[in-house]
Amino acid sequence: NADQIVAANVLRDTTEKASKLDIFDVLRALDMSTGTYTPGETILRDASASAATYNSDTSVITNYSHAFSIQPGYDIELKSYLLGDVDGDYASLI
């Protein structure tokens, strides 16, 4: 689902990599789980943003952006993601 795509996209340091879901995301998640790379990175995403989609033929993610604008006088609902936690079970542990 869209939430899993956002959480799985752990390697997003350049525009090219931010739109891809590939083995390098898996390797970073493994590094995070073993402590080789600092775990616990989180992102916030506008809850009303278009759902992220994934094309398995090209490994391209669309609607992956977690950028949003903050405007005075308007409420914004945010969703939070712990990168690498694709099944969302970490939230039930805290």
Protein backbone atom coordinates (compact mmCIF):
# COMPACT_ATOMS: atom_id res chain seq x y z
CA ASN A 1 0.00 0.00 0.00
CA ALA A 2 0.99 3.66 -0.25
CA ASP A 3 2.16 3.91 3.38
CA GLN A 4 4.52 0.97 2.89
CA ILE A 5 5.98 2.57 -0.23
CA VAL A 6 6.73 5.80 1.65
CA ALA A 7 8.27 3.95 4.62
CA ALA A 8 10.36 1.67 2.37
CA ASN A 9 11.92 4.56 0.46
CA VAL A 10 14.77 4.99 2.95
CA LEU A 11 17.46 6.12 0.51
CA ARG A 12 16.14 9.44 -0.75
CA ASP A 13 19.20 11.67 -0.72
CA THR A 14 18.95 12.80 -4.35
CA THR A 15 16.00 13.45 -6.63
CA GLU A 16 16.93 10.44 -8.76
CA LYS A 17 17.07 8.10 -5.76
CA ALA A 18 14.02 9.63 -4.10
CA SER A 19 11.84 8.43 -6.96
CA LYS A 20 13.23 4.87 -6.93
CA LEU A 21 12.54 1.89 -4.73
CA ASP A 22 15.33 -0.61 -5.27
CA ILE A 23 17.96 -2.85 -3.69
CA PHE A 24 19.80 0.16 -2.30
CA ASP A 25 16.76 0.95 -0.11
CA VAL A 26 16.83 -2.65 1.14
CA LEU A 27 20.56 -2.45 1.87
CA ARG A 28 20.11 0.82 3.82
CA ALA A 29 17.27 -0.71 5.83
CA LEU A 30 19.52 -3.66 6.68
CA ASP A 31 22.31 -1.26 7.70
CA MET A 32 19.81 0.58 9.92
CA SER A 33 18.72 -2.68 11.57
CA THR A 34 22.29 -3.69 12.42
CA GLY A 35 23.39 -0.26 13.63
CA THR A 36 25.81 0.31 10.75
CA TYR A 37 23.74 3.34 9.81
CA THR A 38 21.84 5.44 12.31
CA PRO A 39 18.29 4.08 12.60
CA GLY A 40 15.21 6.02 13.55
CA GLU A 41 14.88 8.53 10.73
CA THR A 42 11.34 9.79 10.44
CA ILE A 43 9.52 11.91 7.92
CA LEU A 44 6.24 13.79 8.03
CA ARG A 45 3.85 13.79 5.09
CA ASP A 46 0.65 15.72 4.44
CA ALA A 47 -2.19 13.28 5.13
CA SER A 48 -4.12 14.67 2.15
CA ALA A 49 -1.23 14.13 -0.31
CA SER A 50 -1.81 11.84 -3.27
CA ALA A 51 -1.09 8.20 -2.52
CA ALA A 52 2.37 7.01 -3.49
CA THR A 53 2.41 4.38 -6.22
CA TYR A 54 5.12 1.98 -7.36
CA ASN A 55 5.82 0.60 -10.85
CA SER A 56 7.63 -2.73 -10.44
CA ASP A 57 8.72 -2.75 -14.09
CA THR A 58 10.72 0.46 -13.74
CA SER A 59 11.20 0.65 -9.93
CA VAL A 60 9.80 4.20 -10.08
CA ILE A 61 7.71 5.71 -7.30
CA THR A 62 5.24 8.47 -8.13
CA ASN A 63 3.77 10.92 -5.61
CA TYR A 64 6.69 10.22 -3.26
CA SER A 65 7.26 13.77 -2.06
CA HIS A 66 7.02 14.54 1.63
CA ALA A 67 7.23 18.30 1.06
CA PHE A 68 4.30 20.39 2.23
CA SER A 69 3.53 24.05 2.84
CA ILE A 70 2.63 25.57 6.13
CA GLN A 71 0.24 28.50 5.96
CA PRO A 72 -0.90 30.64 8.88
CA GLY A 73 -4.47 30.06 9.96
CA TYR A 74 -4.82 26.61 8.38
CA ASP A 75 -4.74 23.25 10.12
CA ILE A 76 -2.70 20.53 8.48
CA GLU A 77 -2.95 16.85 9.27
CA LEU A 78 0.38 15.03 9.05
CA LYS A 79 1.25 11.36 8.89
CA SER A 80 4.58 10.24 10.30
CA TYR A 81 6.73 7.42 8.98
CA LEU A 82 9.65 5.64 10.57
CA LEU A 83 11.79 4.87 7.54
CA GLY A 84 12.32 1.17 7.06
CA ASP A 85 9.26 0.20 9.14
CA VAL A 86 7.16 -0.99 6.20
CA ASP A 87 4.64 -2.97 8.23
CA GLY A 88 4.06 -0.15 10.73
CA ASP A 89 4.51 -2.34 13.79
CA TYR A 90 6.92 0.05 15.50
CA ALA A 91 4.07 2.45 16.28
CA SER A 92 2.34 -0.27 18.31
CA LEU A 93 5.48 -0.71 20.43
CA ILE A 94 5.70 2.90 21.63
